[in-house]
Amino acid sequence: MIQLNLPPFEHKIKEIEGKICIFDVIRRKYLVLTPEEWVRQHFVHLLLNQYQYSKNLIRLEGGLKYNQLQKRSDIVIFDETGQPSLLIECKAPEVSINQSVIEQASRYNHTLRCRFIAITNGLKTFCFEIDFHTGSFRQMQDLPRRVIA
């Protein structure tokens, strides 16, 4: 897999039924190692190790509905009250972070209503704070250190 601009971590990889898989510490199982999963697992470990988020507040690939369509969010961080607070959309490293990707994350957030959205392809990461009262957003320099209720 490609070297990412995210901190390395000790990963467990093994072959299962002819497919290379990586261990997911949140779901506690092996998943097929795709480029997007490589980015997601790096980002999960960043959240756990550098930002000190609790495993209990992280949900991976959770289902949501948007315009009657069933969709999946990559990573959602919940606050202490159980409300979704930070949505993270992961893309494979070869996928550019462009307006289309930002709009996809925004559509998912229309349902979740997270205060923060981050978008990453493992090479570049962008984070935004959303103000639902004014309909505005601002780009942040870093991820929030702690999600606030």
N, C-alpha and C. Protein backbone atom coordinates (compact mmCIF):
# COMPACT_ATOMS: atom_id res chain seq x y z
N MET A 1 0.84 -1.19 0.00
CA MET A 1 0.00 0.00 0.00
C MET A 1 0.88 1.25 0.00
N ILE A 2 0.29 2.33 -0.46
CA ILE A 2 1.00 3.60 -0.60
C ILE A 2 1.29 4.21 0.77
N GLN A 3 2.42 4.92 0.86
CA GLN A 3 2.78 5.66 2.07
C GLN A 3 1.86 6.87 2.19
N LEU A 4 1.24 7.05 3.35
CA LEU A 4 0.30 8.15 3.57
C LEU A 4 0.94 9.27 4.37
N ASN A 5 0.32 10.43 4.38
CA ASN A 5 0.74 11.55 5.23
C ASN A 5 0.02 11.48 6.56
N LEU A 6 -0.08 10.30 7.10
CA LEU A 6 -0.67 10.04 8.41
C LEU A 6 0.33 9.20 9.19
N PRO A 7 0.33 9.32 10.53
CA PRO A 7 1.31 8.56 11.30
C PRO A 7 1.16 7.05 11.06
N PRO A 8 2.30 6.35 10.95
CA PRO A 8 2.22 4.89 10.82
C PRO A 8 1.70 4.28 12.13
N PHE A 9 1.21 3.07 12.04
CA PHE A 9 0.76 2.35 13.23
C PHE A 9 1.05 0.87 13.04
N GLU A 10 1.07 0.15 14.13
CA GLU A 10 1.31 -1.29 14.04
C GLU A 10 0.03 -1.97 13.61
N HIS A 11 0.01 -2.39 12.36
CA HIS A 11 -1.18 -3.01 11.81
C HIS A 11 -1.01 -4.52 11.70
N LYS A 12 -2.12 -5.20 11.75
CA LYS A 12 -2.13 -6.65 11.60
C LYS A 12 -2.76 -6.96 10.25
N ILE A 13 -2.00 -7.64 9.41
CA ILE A 13 -2.47 -8.00 8.08
C ILE A 13 -2.35 -9.51 7.93
N LYS A 14 -3.37 -10.12 7.34
CA LYS A 14 -3.29 -11.54 7.02
C LYS A 14 -4.16 -11.84 5.82
N GLU A 15 -3.89 -12.99 5.22
CA GLU A 15 -4.65 -13.42 4.06
C GLU A 15 -5.81 -14.30 4.53
N ILE A 16 -7.01 -13.97 4.05
CA ILE A 16 -8.22 -14.74 4.37
C ILE A 16 -8.91 -15.05 3.05
N GLU A 17 -9.07 -16.32 2.77
CA GLU A 17 -9.74 -16.78 1.54
C GLU A 17 -9.17 -16.09 0.29
N GLY A 18 -7.85 -15.99 0.26
CA GLY A 18 -7.17 -15.43 -0.90
C GLY A 18 -7.15 -13.91 -0.97
N LYS A 19 -7.68 -13.24 0.05
CA LYS A 19 -7.71 -11.77 0.06
C LYS A 19 -6.87 -11.25 1.22
N ILE A 20 -6.13 -10.17 0.96
CA ILE A 20 -5.34 -9.52 2.00
C ILE A 20 -6.28 -8.69 2.86
N CYS A 21 -6.21 -8.90 4.17
CA CYS A 21 -7.12 -8.22 5.11
C CYS A 21 -6.32 -7.51 6.19
N ILE A 22 -6.93 -6.46 6.76
CA ILE A 22 -6.33 -5.69 7.85
C ILE A 22 -7.27 -5.73 9.04
N PHE A 23 -6.68 -5.79 10.25
CA PHE A 23 -7.51 -5.86 11.46
C PHE A 23 -8.01 -4.48 11.83
N ASP A 24 -9.31 -4.38 12.08
CA ASP A 24 -9.98 -3.15 12.49
C ASP A 24 -10.18 -3.20 14.00
N VAL A 25 -9.52 -2.31 14.74
CA VAL A 25 -9.60 -2.33 16.20
C VAL A 25 -10.95 -1.86 16.73
N ILE A 26 -11.72 -1.14 15.93
CA ILE A 26 -13.04 -0.68 16.37
C ILE A 26 -14.05 -1.81 16.23
N ARG A 27 -14.11 -2.42 15.08
CA ARG A 27 -15.08 -3.50 14.84
C ARG A 27 -14.55 -4.86 15.27
N ARG A 28 -13.27 -4.90 15.64
CA ARG A 28 -12.60 -6.11 16.13
C ARG A 28 -12.74 -7.29 15.16
N LYS A 29 -12.41 -7.01 13.89
CA LYS A 29 -12.42 -8.07 12.89
C LYS A 29 -11.53 -7.66 11.72
N TYR A 30 -11.18 -8.65 10.91
CA TYR A 30 -10.39 -8.39 9.72
C TYR A 30 -11.29 -7.96 8.57
N LEU A 31 -10.84 -6.95 7.81
CA LEU A 31 -11.56 -6.42 6.66
C LEU A 31 -10.66 -6.47 5.43
N VAL A 32 -11.26 -6.62 4.27
CA VAL A 32 -10.48 -6.62 3.03
C VAL A 32 -9.72 -5.29 2.92
N LEU A 33 -8.43 -5.42 2.64
CA LEU A 33 -7.57 -4.23 2.57
C LEU A 33 -7.65 -3.59 1.19
N THR A 34 -8.50 -2.57 1.09
CA THR A 34 -8.62 -1.75 -0.11
C THR A 34 -7.85 -0.45 0.15
N PRO A 35 -7.56 0.33 -0.88
CA PRO A 35 -6.90 1.62 -0.63
C PRO A 35 -7.69 2.52 0.33
N GLU A 36 -9.02 2.53 0.20
CA GLU A 36 -9.84 3.35 1.11
C GLU A 36 -9.76 2.81 2.54
N GLU A 37 -9.77 1.49 2.70
CA GLU A 37 -9.67 0.90 4.05
C GLU A 37 -8.31 1.21 4.67
N TRP A 38 -7.26 1.23 3.86
CA TRP A 38 -5.93 1.60 4.33
C TRP A 38 -5.95 3.01 4.93
N VAL A 39 -6.60 3.94 4.23
CA VAL A 39 -6.74 5.32 4.72
C VAL A 39 -7.59 5.34 5.99
N ARG A 40 -8.74 4.64 5.98
CA ARG A 40 -9.64 4.64 7.15
C ARG A 40 -8.92 4.10 8.39
N GLN A 41 -8.18 3.01 8.24
CA GLN A 41 -7.50 2.44 9.40
C GLN A 41 -6.39 3.35 9.92
N HIS A 42 -5.67 4.00 9.04
CA HIS A 42 -4.68 4.98 9.48
C HIS A 42 -5.36 6.12 10.25
N PHE A 43 -6.49 6.58 9.72
CA PHE A 43 -7.18 7.70 10.35
C PHE A 43 -7.75 7.30 11.71
N VAL A 44 -8.28 6.09 11.81
CA VAL A 44 -8.79 5.61 13.10
C VAL A 44 -7.66 5.62 14.14
N HIS A 45 -6.50 5.13 13.76
CA HIS A 45 -5.39 5.10 14.71
C HIS A 45 -4.90 6.51 15.05
N LEU A 46 -4.98 7.43 14.11
CA LEU A 46 -4.67 8.83 14.39
C LEU A 46 -5.64 9.37 15.45
N LEU A 47 -6.93 9.10 15.27
CA LEU A 47 -7.94 9.56 16.22
C LEU A 47 -7.71 8.98 17.61
N LEU A 48 -7.37 7.71 17.67
CA LEU A 48 -7.16 7.04 18.96
C LEU A 48 -5.86 7.46 19.63
N ASN A 49 -4.78 7.51 18.86
CA ASN A 49 -3.46 7.71 19.46
C ASN A 49 -3.07 9.18 19.61
N GLN A 50 -3.31 9.99 18.60
CA GLN A 50 -2.88 11.40 18.66
C GLN A 50 -3.96 12.29 19.29
N TYR A 51 -5.22 12.02 18.97
CA TYR A 51 -6.29 12.89 19.45
C TYR A 51 -7.00 12.33 20.68
N GLN A 52 -6.65 11.12 21.07
CA GLN A 52 -7.16 10.50 22.30
C GLN A 52 -8.67 10.31 22.33
N TYR A 53 -9.28 10.09 21.17
CA TYR A 53 -10.71 9.77 21.14
C TYR A 53 -10.92 8.36 21.67
N SER A 54 -12.03 8.15 22.33
CA SER A 54 -12.37 6.84 22.87
C SER A 54 -12.94 5.95 21.77
N LYS A 55 -12.55 4.67 21.77
CA LYS A 55 -13.13 3.71 20.83
C LYS A 55 -14.64 3.67 20.95
N ASN A 56 -15.15 3.91 22.15
CA ASN A 56 -16.59 3.84 22.40
C ASN A 56 -17.37 4.95 21.70
N LEU A 57 -16.68 6.01 21.29
CA LEU A 57 -17.35 7.14 20.64
C LEU A 57 -17.19 7.13 19.12
N ILE A 58 -16.59 6.07 18.59
CA ILE A 58 -16.31 5.99 17.15
C ILE A 58 -17.19 4.92 16.51
N ARG A 59 -17.86 5.29 15.41
CA ARG A 59 -18.62 4.32 14.62
C ARG A 59 -18.08 4.35 13.20
N LEU A 60 -17.83 3.16 12.66
CA LEU A 60 -17.32 3.05 11.30
C LEU A 60 -18.38 2.49 10.37
N GLU A 61 -18.45 3.07 9.19
CA GLU A 61 -19.38 2.64 8.15
C GLU A 61 -20.80 2.47 8.65
N GLY A 62 -21.27 3.48 9.36
CA GLY A 62 -22.64 3.47 9.85
C GLY A 62 -23.62 3.82 8.75
N GLY A 63 -24.77 3.21 8.78
CA GLY A 63 -25.79 3.48 7.78
C GLY A 63 -26.51 4.80 8.04
N LEU A 64 -26.94 5.44 6.97
CA LEU A 64 -27.76 6.64 7.07
C LEU A 64 -28.59 6.75 5.81
N LYS A 65 -29.67 7.49 5.89
CA LYS A 65 -30.53 7.70 4.72
C LYS A 65 -30.41 9.13 4.24
N TYR A 66 -30.29 9.27 2.93
CA TYR A 66 -30.28 10.58 2.31
C TYR A 66 -31.15 10.49 1.07
N ASN A 67 -32.20 11.32 1.00
CA ASN A 67 -33.15 11.30 -0.13
C ASN A 67 -33.63 9.89 -0.45
N GLN A 68 -34.05 9.19 0.57
CA GLN A 68 -34.59 7.83 0.44
C GLN A 68 -33.54 6.79 0.01
N LEU A 69 -32.27 7.18 -0.08
CA LEU A 69 -31.21 6.26 -0.45
C LEU A 69 -30.42 5.85 0.78
N GLN A 70 -30.07 4.59 0.85
CA GLN A 70 -29.26 4.09 1.96
C GLN A 70 -27.79 4.38 1.65
N LYS A 71 -27.10 5.08 2.53
CA LYS A 71 -25.69 5.44 2.36
C LYS A 71 -24.91 4.98 3.59
N ARG A 72 -23.59 5.07 3.51
CA ARG A 72 -22.72 4.71 4.64
C ARG A 72 -21.73 5.83 4.91
N SER A 73 -21.66 6.24 6.16
CA SER A 73 -20.64 7.21 6.55
C SER A 73 -19.38 6.44 6.92
N ASP A 74 -18.21 6.97 6.58
CA ASP A 74 -16.96 6.26 6.87
C ASP A 74 -16.66 6.22 8.36
N ILE A 75 -16.55 7.39 8.98
CA ILE A 75 -16.24 7.48 10.41
C ILE A 75 -17.12 8.56 11.00
N VAL A 76 -17.77 8.26 12.12
CA VAL A 76 -18.52 9.27 12.87
C VAL A 76 -18.05 9.21 14.31
N ILE A 77 -17.74 10.38 14.86
CA ILE A 77 -17.37 10.51 16.27
C ILE A 77 -18.56 11.12 16.98
N PHE A 78 -18.93 10.52 18.10
CA PHE A 78 -20.05 11.01 18.90
C PHE A 78 -19.53 11.78 20.10
N ASP A 79 -20.32 12.75 20.57
CA ASP A 79 -19.95 13.49 21.78
C ASP A 79 -20.39 12.70 23.01
N GLU A 80 -20.17 13.28 24.18
CA GLU A 80 -20.47 12.60 25.44
C GLU A 80 -21.97 12.33 25.63
N THR A 81 -22.81 13.06 24.90
CA THR A 81 -24.26 12.85 25.03
C THR A 81 -24.79 11.86 24.00
N GLY A 82 -23.89 11.33 23.16
CA GLY A 82 -24.31 10.36 22.15
C GLY A 82 -24.74 10.96 20.83
N GLN A 83 -24.53 12.26 20.65
CA GLN A 83 -24.90 12.93 19.40
C GLN A 83 -23.72 12.92 18.44
N PRO A 84 -23.97 12.70 17.14
CA PRO A 84 -22.87 12.75 16.17
C PRO A 84 -22.27 14.15 16.12
N SER A 85 -20.94 14.23 16.19
CA SER A 85 -20.29 15.52 16.26
C SER A 85 -19.24 15.74 15.17
N LEU A 86 -18.57 14.67 14.74
CA LEU A 86 -17.52 14.79 13.73
C LEU A 86 -17.71 13.69 12.70
N LEU A 87 -17.93 14.08 11.45
CA LEU A 87 -18.06 13.15 10.33
C LEU A 87 -16.76 13.17 9.54
N ILE A 88 -16.21 11.99 9.26
CA ILE A 88 -14.98 11.89 8.49
C ILE A 88 -15.24 11.04 7.26
N GLU A 89 -15.00 11.61 6.11
CA GLU A 89 -15.15 10.91 4.84
C GLU A 89 -13.77 10.53 4.35
N CYS A 90 -13.54 9.24 4.15
CA CYS A 90 -12.24 8.73 3.70
C CYS A 90 -12.32 8.34 2.23
N LYS A 91 -11.30 8.69 1.50
CA LYS A 91 -11.18 8.33 0.09
C LYS A 91 -9.85 7.63 -0.12
N ALA A 92 -9.75 6.87 -1.19
CA ALA A 92 -8.48 6.25 -1.55
C ALA A 92 -7.47 7.33 -1.90
N PRO A 93 -6.18 7.07 -1.72
CA PRO A 93 -5.17 8.09 -1.98
C PRO A 93 -5.21 8.67 -3.39
N GLU A 94 -5.62 7.88 -4.38
CA GLU A 94 -5.64 8.39 -5.75
C GLU A 94 -6.85 9.27 -6.04
N VAL A 95 -7.79 9.37 -5.10
CA VAL A 95 -8.97 10.21 -5.29
C VAL A 95 -8.66 11.63 -4.81
N SER A 96 -8.82 12.59 -5.68
CA SER A 96 -8.58 13.99 -5.32
C SER A 96 -9.69 14.49 -4.40
N ILE A 97 -9.30 15.33 -3.45
CA ILE A 97 -10.29 15.99 -2.60
C ILE A 97 -10.74 17.22 -3.37
N ASN A 98 -11.90 17.10 -3.98
CA ASN A 98 -12.41 18.20 -4.81
C ASN A 98 -13.81 18.58 -4.34
N GLN A 99 -14.43 19.47 -5.07
CA GLN A 99 -15.76 19.97 -4.70
C GLN A 99 -16.78 18.84 -4.61
N SER A 100 -16.69 17.87 -5.50
CA SER A 100 -17.63 16.75 -5.51
C SER A 100 -17.53 15.94 -4.21
N VAL A 101 -16.33 15.70 -3.75
CA VAL A 101 -16.12 14.94 -2.51
C VAL A 101 -16.63 15.74 -1.31
N ILE A 102 -16.37 17.03 -1.31
CA ILE A 102 -16.85 17.89 -0.21
C ILE A 102 -18.38 17.91 -0.20
N GLU A 103 -18.98 17.98 -1.38
CA GLU A 103 -20.45 17.97 -1.45
C GLU A 103 -21.02 16.63 -0.97
N GLN A 104 -20.35 15.52 -1.28
CA GLN A 104 -20.80 14.22 -0.80
C GLN A 104 -20.82 14.19 0.73
N ALA A 105 -19.73 14.64 1.36
CA ALA A 105 -19.67 14.67 2.82
C ALA A 105 -20.75 15.59 3.38
N SER A 106 -20.98 16.71 2.71
CA SER A 106 -22.01 17.65 3.17
C SER A 106 -23.40 17.04 3.08
N ARG A 107 -23.66 16.26 2.03
CA ARG A 107 -24.96 15.58 1.91
C ARG A 107 -25.15 14.59 3.05
N TYR A 108 -24.12 13.82 3.35
CA TYR A 108 -24.21 12.88 4.46
C TYR A 108 -24.45 13.64 5.77
N ASN A 109 -23.80 14.78 5.89
CA ASN A 109 -23.95 15.55 7.12
C ASN A 109 -25.31 16.22 7.22
N HIS A 110 -26.01 16.37 6.12
CA HIS A 110 -27.36 16.92 6.16
C HIS A 110 -28.24 16.06 7.06
N THR A 111 -28.01 14.75 7.02
CA THR A 111 -28.75 13.81 7.86
C THR A 111 -28.17 13.76 9.28
N LEU A 112 -26.84 13.67 9.39
CA LEU A 112 -26.20 13.50 10.70
C LEU A 112 -26.15 14.79 11.52
N ARG A 113 -25.94 15.92 10.84
CA ARG A 113 -25.84 17.23 11.48
C ARG A 113 -24.68 17.32 12.46
N CYS A 114 -23.51 16.85 12.02
CA CYS A 114 -22.30 16.97 12.83
C CYS A 114 -21.79 18.40 12.77
N ARG A 115 -21.23 18.85 13.86
CA ARG A 115 -20.66 20.19 13.92
C ARG A 115 -19.39 20.30 13.08
N PHE A 116 -18.68 19.17 12.93
CA PHE A 116 -17.42 19.15 12.20
C PHE A 116 -17.46 18.10 11.10
N ILE A 117 -16.81 18.42 9.97
CA ILE A 117 -16.64 17.46 8.87
C ILE A 117 -15.17 17.46 8.50
N ALA A 118 -14.61 16.25 8.35
CA ALA A 118 -13.24 16.12 7.85
C ALA A 118 -13.28 15.23 6.62
N ILE A 119 -12.42 15.53 5.68
CA ILE A 119 -12.32 14.76 4.44
C ILE A 119 -10.85 14.45 4.23
N THR A 120 -10.53 13.18 3.97
CA THR A 120 -9.14 12.79 3.80
C THR A 120 -8.98 11.74 2.71
N ASN A 121 -7.85 11.78 2.05
CA ASN A 121 -7.44 10.68 1.17
C ASN A 121 -6.12 10.11 1.67
N GLY A 122 -5.75 10.45 2.89
CA GLY A 122 -4.52 9.98 3.49
C GLY A 122 -3.31 10.81 3.12
N LEU A 123 -3.43 11.58 2.06
CA LEU A 123 -2.35 12.46 1.63
C LEU A 123 -2.66 13.90 2.04
N LYS A 124 -3.93 14.27 1.90
CA LYS A 124 -4.42 15.58 2.31
C LYS A 124 -5.66 15.40 3.17
N THR A 125 -5.79 16.24 4.18
CA THR A 125 -6.95 16.20 5.06
C THR A 125 -7.46 17.63 5.24
N PHE A 126 -8.77 17.80 5.10
CA PHE A 126 -9.39 19.10 5.31
C PHE A 126 -10.47 18.92 6.38
N CYS A 127 -10.59 19.92 7.25
CA CYS A 127 -11.61 19.87 8.30
C CYS A 127 -12.36 21.20 8.30
N PHE A 128 -13.69 21.09 8.49
CA PHE A 128 -14.54 22.27 8.50
C PHE A 128 -15.44 22.25 9.73
N GLU A 129 -15.73 23.43 10.26
CA GLU A 129 -16.72 23.58 11.32
C GLU A 129 -17.96 24.18 10.68
N ILE A 130 -19.10 23.57 10.96
CA ILE A 130 -20.37 23.97 10.36
C ILE A 130 -21.19 24.76 11.37
N ASP A 131 -21.76 25.89 10.93
CA ASP A 131 -22.70 26.65 11.74
C ASP A 131 -24.07 26.48 11.09
N PHE A 132 -24.91 25.63 11.68
CA PHE A 132 -26.21 25.33 11.08
C PHE A 132 -27.17 26.51 11.20
N HIS A 133 -26.95 27.41 12.16
CA HIS A 133 -27.83 28.56 12.33
C HIS A 133 -27.67 29.57 11.19
N THR A 134 -26.42 29.77 10.77
CA THR A 134 -26.17 30.75 9.71
C THR A 134 -25.99 30.09 8.34
N GLY A 135 -25.81 28.76 8.34
CA GLY A 135 -25.57 28.06 7.08
C GLY A 135 -24.16 28.25 6.56
N SER A 136 -23.27 28.69 7.43
CA SER A 136 -21.89 28.95 7.01
C SER A 136 -20.95 27.86 7.55
N PHE A 137 -19.73 27.88 7.06
CA PHE A 137 -18.71 26.96 7.55
C PHE A 137 -17.36 27.66 7.48
N ARG A 138 -16.43 27.15 8.25
CA ARG A 138 -15.07 27.70 8.21
C ARG A 138 -14.09 26.54 8.20
N GLN A 139 -13.04 26.70 7.42
CA GLN A 139 -12.01 25.66 7.39
C GLN A 139 -11.15 25.79 8.63
N MET A 140 -10.85 24.65 9.23
CA MET A 140 -10.04 24.62 10.44
C MET A 140 -8.61 24.21 10.10
N GLN A 141 -7.68 24.56 10.96
CA GLN A 141 -6.28 24.19 10.76
C GLN A 141 -6.01 22.74 11.16
N ASP A 142 -6.87 22.19 12.03
CA ASP A 142 -6.66 20.86 12.57
C ASP A 142 -8.01 20.26 12.94
N LEU A 143 -8.01 18.99 13.22
CA LEU A 143 -9.23 18.35 13.74
C LEU A 143 -9.51 18.87 15.14
N PRO A 144 -10.76 18.84 15.57
CA PRO A 144 -11.03 19.21 16.96
C PRO A 144 -10.38 18.20 17.89
N ARG A 145 -9.77 18.68 18.93
CA ARG A 145 -9.11 17.80 19.91
C ARG A 145 -10.12 17.02 20.72
N ARG A 146 -11.31 17.57 20.85
CA ARG A 146 -12.36 16.94 21.65
C ARG A 146 -13.68 17.39 21.08
N VAL A 147 -14.57 16.45 20.89
CA VAL A 147 -15.87 16.86 20.38
C VAL A 147 -16.71 17.37 21.53
N ILE A 148 -17.40 18.46 21.28
CA ILE A 148 -18.13 19.17 22.34
C ILE A 148 -19.62 19.00 22.11
N ALA A 149 -20.33 18.72 23.18
CA ALA A 149 -21.79 18.54 23.10
C ALA A 149 -22.44 19.86 22.81
